[in-house]
């Protein structure tokens, strides 16, 4: 049993900020990588930012300098601080994690998605 629960989506004006949270829970042995992807209708799901177990972070080019990914290891939570939001950031954001669980071994998991809408 592993579950990803996302919070923090909403409506914000261009230039504003939002913070997304993703909490992993369940029979977790270890988390190899955790982060965020986003997908608009008709588009491929694209990487936003991920963090590895060792702390290495990978950002998409179009969010570098604006978004910051961080992690609370004690509670299996990743945060995506989104600043200087643009209208083109509007889409559904999905938490993703590669997790080894006690029951299922190494697997990739997805959250249900949280809507981020940036208005002009």
C-alpha atoms as a PDB file:
ATOM      1  CA  UNK A   1       0.000   0.000   0.000  1.00  0.00           C
ATOM      2  CA  UNK A   2       1.567   3.229  -1.270  1.00  0.00           C
ATOM      3  CA  UNK A   3      -0.333   6.408  -1.934  1.00  0.00           C
ATOM      4  CA  UNK A   4       0.617   9.892  -3.109  1.00  0.00           C
ATOM      5  CA  UNK A   5      -1.565  12.732  -1.896  1.00  0.00           C
ATOM      6  CA  UNK A   6      -1.213  16.144  -3.511  1.00  0.00           C
ATOM      7  CA  UNK A   7      -2.243  19.509  -2.141  1.00  0.00           C
ATOM      8  CA  UNK A   8      -1.690  23.138  -2.969  1.00  0.00           C
ATOM      9  CA  UNK A   9      -3.161  23.640  -6.397  1.00  0.00           C
ATOM     10  CA  UNK A  10      -5.381  26.582  -7.073  1.00  0.00           C
ATOM     11  CA  UNK A  11      -5.865  29.877  -8.844  1.00  0.00           C
ATOM     12  CA  UNK A  12      -3.272  32.614  -8.760  1.00  0.00           C
ATOM     13  CA  UNK A  13      -2.519  35.735 -10.755  1.00  0.00           C
ATOM     14  CA  UNK A  14       0.464  35.907 -13.052  1.00  0.00           C
ATOM     15  CA  UNK A  15       3.555  36.745 -11.062  1.00  0.00           C
ATOM     16  CA  UNK A  16       2.176  35.124  -7.954  1.00  0.00           C
ATOM     17  CA  UNK A  17       3.163  31.987  -6.103  1.00  0.00           C
ATOM     18  CA  UNK A  18       1.820  28.607  -5.136  1.00  0.00           C
ATOM     19  CA  UNK A  19       3.299  25.735  -3.194  1.00  0.00           C
ATOM     20  CA  UNK A  20       2.421  22.181  -4.103  1.00  0.00           C
ATOM     21  CA  UNK A  21       2.900  19.361  -1.640  1.00  0.00           C
ATOM     22  CA  UNK A  22       3.017  15.638  -2.228  1.00  0.00           C
ATOM     23  CA  UNK A  23       3.001  13.210   0.657  1.00  0.00           C
ATOM     24  CA  UNK A  24       3.839   9.562   0.147  1.00  0.00           C
ATOM     25  CA  UNK A  25       2.394   7.123   2.620  1.00  0.00           C
ATOM     26  CA  UNK A  26       2.102   3.402   3.064  1.00  0.00           C
ATOM     27  CA  UNK A  27       4.474   0.493   3.366  1.00  0.00           C
ATOM     28  CA  UNK A  28       7.472   2.424   2.065  1.00  0.00           C
ATOM     29  CA  UNK A  29      10.931   0.972   2.306  1.00  0.00           C
ATOM     30  CA  UNK A  30      12.731   3.635   0.316  1.00  0.00           C
ATOM     31  CA  UNK A  31      12.104   6.378  -2.226  1.00  0.00           C
ATOM     32  CA  UNK A  32      14.503   6.529  -5.151  1.00  0.00           C
ATOM     33  CA  UNK A  33      13.127   9.631  -6.826  1.00  0.00           C
ATOM     34  CA  UNK A  34      10.213  11.940  -6.244  1.00  0.00           C
ATOM     35  CA  UNK A  35       8.925  15.025  -7.952  1.00  0.00           C
ATOM     36  CA  UNK A  36       6.418  16.668 -10.232  1.00  0.00           C
ATOM     37  CA  UNK A  37       5.234  16.395 -13.801  1.00  0.00           C
ATOM     38  CA  UNK A  38       2.566  18.351 -15.623  1.00  0.00           C
ATOM     39  CA  UNK A  39       0.254  17.634 -18.517  1.00  0.00           C
ATOM     40  CA  UNK A  40      -2.102  19.842 -20.461  1.00  0.00           C
ATOM     41  CA  UNK A  41      -4.819  18.413 -22.706  1.00  0.00           C
ATOM     42  CA  UNK A  42      -3.360  17.200 -25.971  1.00  0.00           C
ATOM     43  CA  UNK A  43       0.195  17.325 -24.688  1.00  0.00           C
ATOM     44  CA  UNK A  44       2.670  14.813 -23.360  1.00  0.00           C
ATOM     45  CA  UNK A  45       3.258  14.676 -19.658  1.00  0.00           C
ATOM     46  CA  UNK A  46       6.452  16.598 -19.045  1.00  0.00           C
ATOM     47  CA  UNK A  47       8.927  16.721 -16.223  1.00  0.00           C
ATOM     48  CA  UNK A  48       8.817  19.760 -13.986  1.00  0.00           C
ATOM     49  CA  UNK A  49      11.269  18.865 -11.239  1.00  0.00           C
ATOM     50  CA  UNK A  50      12.497  15.701  -9.555  1.00  0.00           C
ATOM     51  CA  UNK A  51      14.792  14.927  -6.657  1.00  0.00           C
ATOM     52  CA  UNK A  52      16.754  11.728  -6.184  1.00  0.00           C
ATOM     53  CA  UNK A  53      17.478   9.904  -2.969  1.00  0.00           C
ATOM     54  CA  UNK A  54      20.910  11.493  -2.953  1.00  0.00           C
ATOM     55  CA  UNK A  55      19.429  14.977  -3.207  1.00  0.00           C
ATOM     56  CA  UNK A  56      20.148  15.721  -6.839  1.00  0.00           C
ATOM     57  CA  UNK A  57      17.484  17.894  -8.438  1.00  0.00           C
ATOM     58  CA  UNK A  58      16.521  18.085 -12.084  1.00  0.00           C
ATOM     59  CA  UNK A  59      14.439  21.037 -13.300  1.00  0.00           C
ATOM     60  CA  UNK A  60      12.803  21.593 -16.627  1.00  0.00           C
ATOM     61  CA  UNK A  61      14.437  24.473 -18.462  1.00  0.00           C
ATOM     62  CA  UNK A  62      11.289  26.567 -18.481  1.00  0.00           C
ATOM     63  CA  UNK A  63      10.921  26.509 -14.697  1.00  0.00           C
ATOM     64  CA  UNK A  64      14.534  26.997 -13.655  1.00  0.00           C
ATOM     65  CA  UNK A  65      14.924  30.044 -11.480  1.00  0.00           C
ATOM     66  CA  UNK A  66      11.208  30.177 -10.718  1.00  0.00           C
ATOM     67  CA  UNK A  67      10.385  26.807  -9.153  1.00  0.00           C
ATOM     68  CA  UNK A  68      12.137  25.207  -6.212  1.00  0.00           C
ATOM     69  CA  UNK A  69      11.815  21.569  -5.243  1.00  0.00           C
ATOM     70  CA  UNK A  70      12.477  20.522  -1.667  1.00  0.00           C
ATOM     71  CA  UNK A  71      11.945  17.457   0.461  1.00  0.00           C
ATOM     72  CA  UNK A  72      10.996  16.548   4.001  1.00  0.00           C
ATOM     73  CA  UNK A  73      12.546  13.119   4.325  1.00  0.00           C
ATOM     74  CA  UNK A  74      11.123  12.453   7.771  1.00  0.00           C
ATOM     75  CA  UNK A  75       7.577  12.708   6.457  1.00  0.00           C
ATOM     76  CA  UNK A  76       8.093  11.582   2.836  1.00  0.00           C
ATOM     77  CA  UNK A  77       6.913  14.897   1.466  1.00  0.00           C
ATOM     78  CA  UNK A  78       8.141  16.874  -1.515  1.00  0.00           C
ATOM     79  CA  UNK A  79       7.290  20.508  -2.031  1.00  0.00           C
ATOM     80  CA  UNK A  80       7.262  22.493  -5.218  1.00  0.00           C
ATOM     81  CA  UNK A  81       7.493  26.196  -4.534  1.00  0.00           C
ATOM     82  CA  UNK A  82       6.327  27.964  -7.673  1.00  0.00           C
ATOM     83  CA  UNK A  83       7.168  31.644  -7.926  1.00  0.00           C
ATOM     84  CA  UNK A  84       6.775  34.153 -10.739  1.00  0.00           C
ATOM     85  CA  UNK A  85       4.011  32.052 -12.189  1.00  0.00           C
ATOM     86  CA  UNK A  86       3.088  32.516 -15.822  1.00  0.00           C
ATOM     87  CA  UNK A  87      -0.125  31.766 -17.654  1.00  0.00           C
ATOM     88  CA  UNK A  88       1.671  29.011 -19.530  1.00  0.00           C
ATOM     89  CA  UNK A  89       2.203  27.212 -16.222  1.00  0.00           C
ATOM     90  CA  UNK A  90      -1.526  26.535 -16.170  1.00  0.00           C
ATOM     91  CA  UNK A  91      -2.189  22.818 -16.302  1.00  0.00           C
ATOM     92  CA  UNK A  92      -2.618  19.755 -14.142  1.00  0.00           C
ATOM     93  CA  UNK A  93       0.386  18.859 -12.021  1.00  0.00           C
ATOM     94  CA  UNK A  94       1.052  15.262 -11.034  1.00  0.00           C
ATOM     95  CA  UNK A  95       3.235  14.000  -8.251  1.00  0.00           C
ATOM     96  CA  UNK A  96       5.468  11.113  -9.229  1.00  0.00           C
ATOM     97  CA  UNK A  97       7.580   8.819  -7.110  1.00  0.00           C
ATOM     98  CA  UNK A  98       9.709   5.750  -7.633  1.00  0.00           C
ATOM     99  CA  UNK A  99       9.287   3.769  -4.453  1.00  0.00           C
ATOM    100  CA  UNK A 100      10.351   0.427  -3.117  1.00  0.00           C
ATOM    101  CA  UNK A 101       7.609  -0.881  -0.874  1.00  0.00           C
ATOM    102  CA  UNK A 102       7.577  -3.846   1.422  1.00  0.00           C
ATOM    103  CA  UNK A 103       4.783  -5.465  -0.535  1.00  0.00           C
ATOM    104  CA  UNK A 104       5.362  -4.611  -4.197  1.00  0.00           C
ATOM    105  CA  UNK A 105       9.045  -3.910  -4.586  1.00  0.00           C
ATOM    106  CA  UNK A 106      10.251  -1.074  -6.796  1.00  0.00           C
ATOM    107  CA  UNK A 107       7.458   0.740  -8.611  1.00  0.00           C
ATOM    108  CA  UNK A 108       6.501   4.112  -9.997  1.00  0.00           C
ATOM    109  CA  UNK A 109       3.496   5.862  -8.492  1.00  0.00           C
ATOM    110  CA  UNK A 110       1.394   8.814  -9.568  1.00  0.00           C
ATOM    111  CA  UNK A 111      -0.800  11.197  -7.691  1.00  0.00           C
ATOM    112  CA  UNK A 112      -4.271  12.024  -8.916  1.00  0.00           C
ATOM    113  CA  UNK A 113      -3.246  15.452 -10.180  1.00  0.00           C
ATOM    114  CA  UNK A 114      -3.861  18.942  -8.894  1.00  0.00           C
ATOM    115  CA  UNK A 115      -4.969  21.863 -11.035  1.00  0.00           C
ATOM    116  CA  UNK A 116      -2.856  24.996 -11.218  1.00  0.00           C
ATOM    117  CA  UNK A 117      -4.431  27.963 -12.953  1.00  0.00           C
ATOM    118  CA  UNK A 118      -2.556  31.201 -13.545  1.00  0.00           C
ATOM    119  CA  UNK A 119      -4.625  34.149 -14.674  1.00  0.00           C
ATOM    120  CA  UNK A 120      -3.518  37.300 -16.459  1.00  0.00           C
END
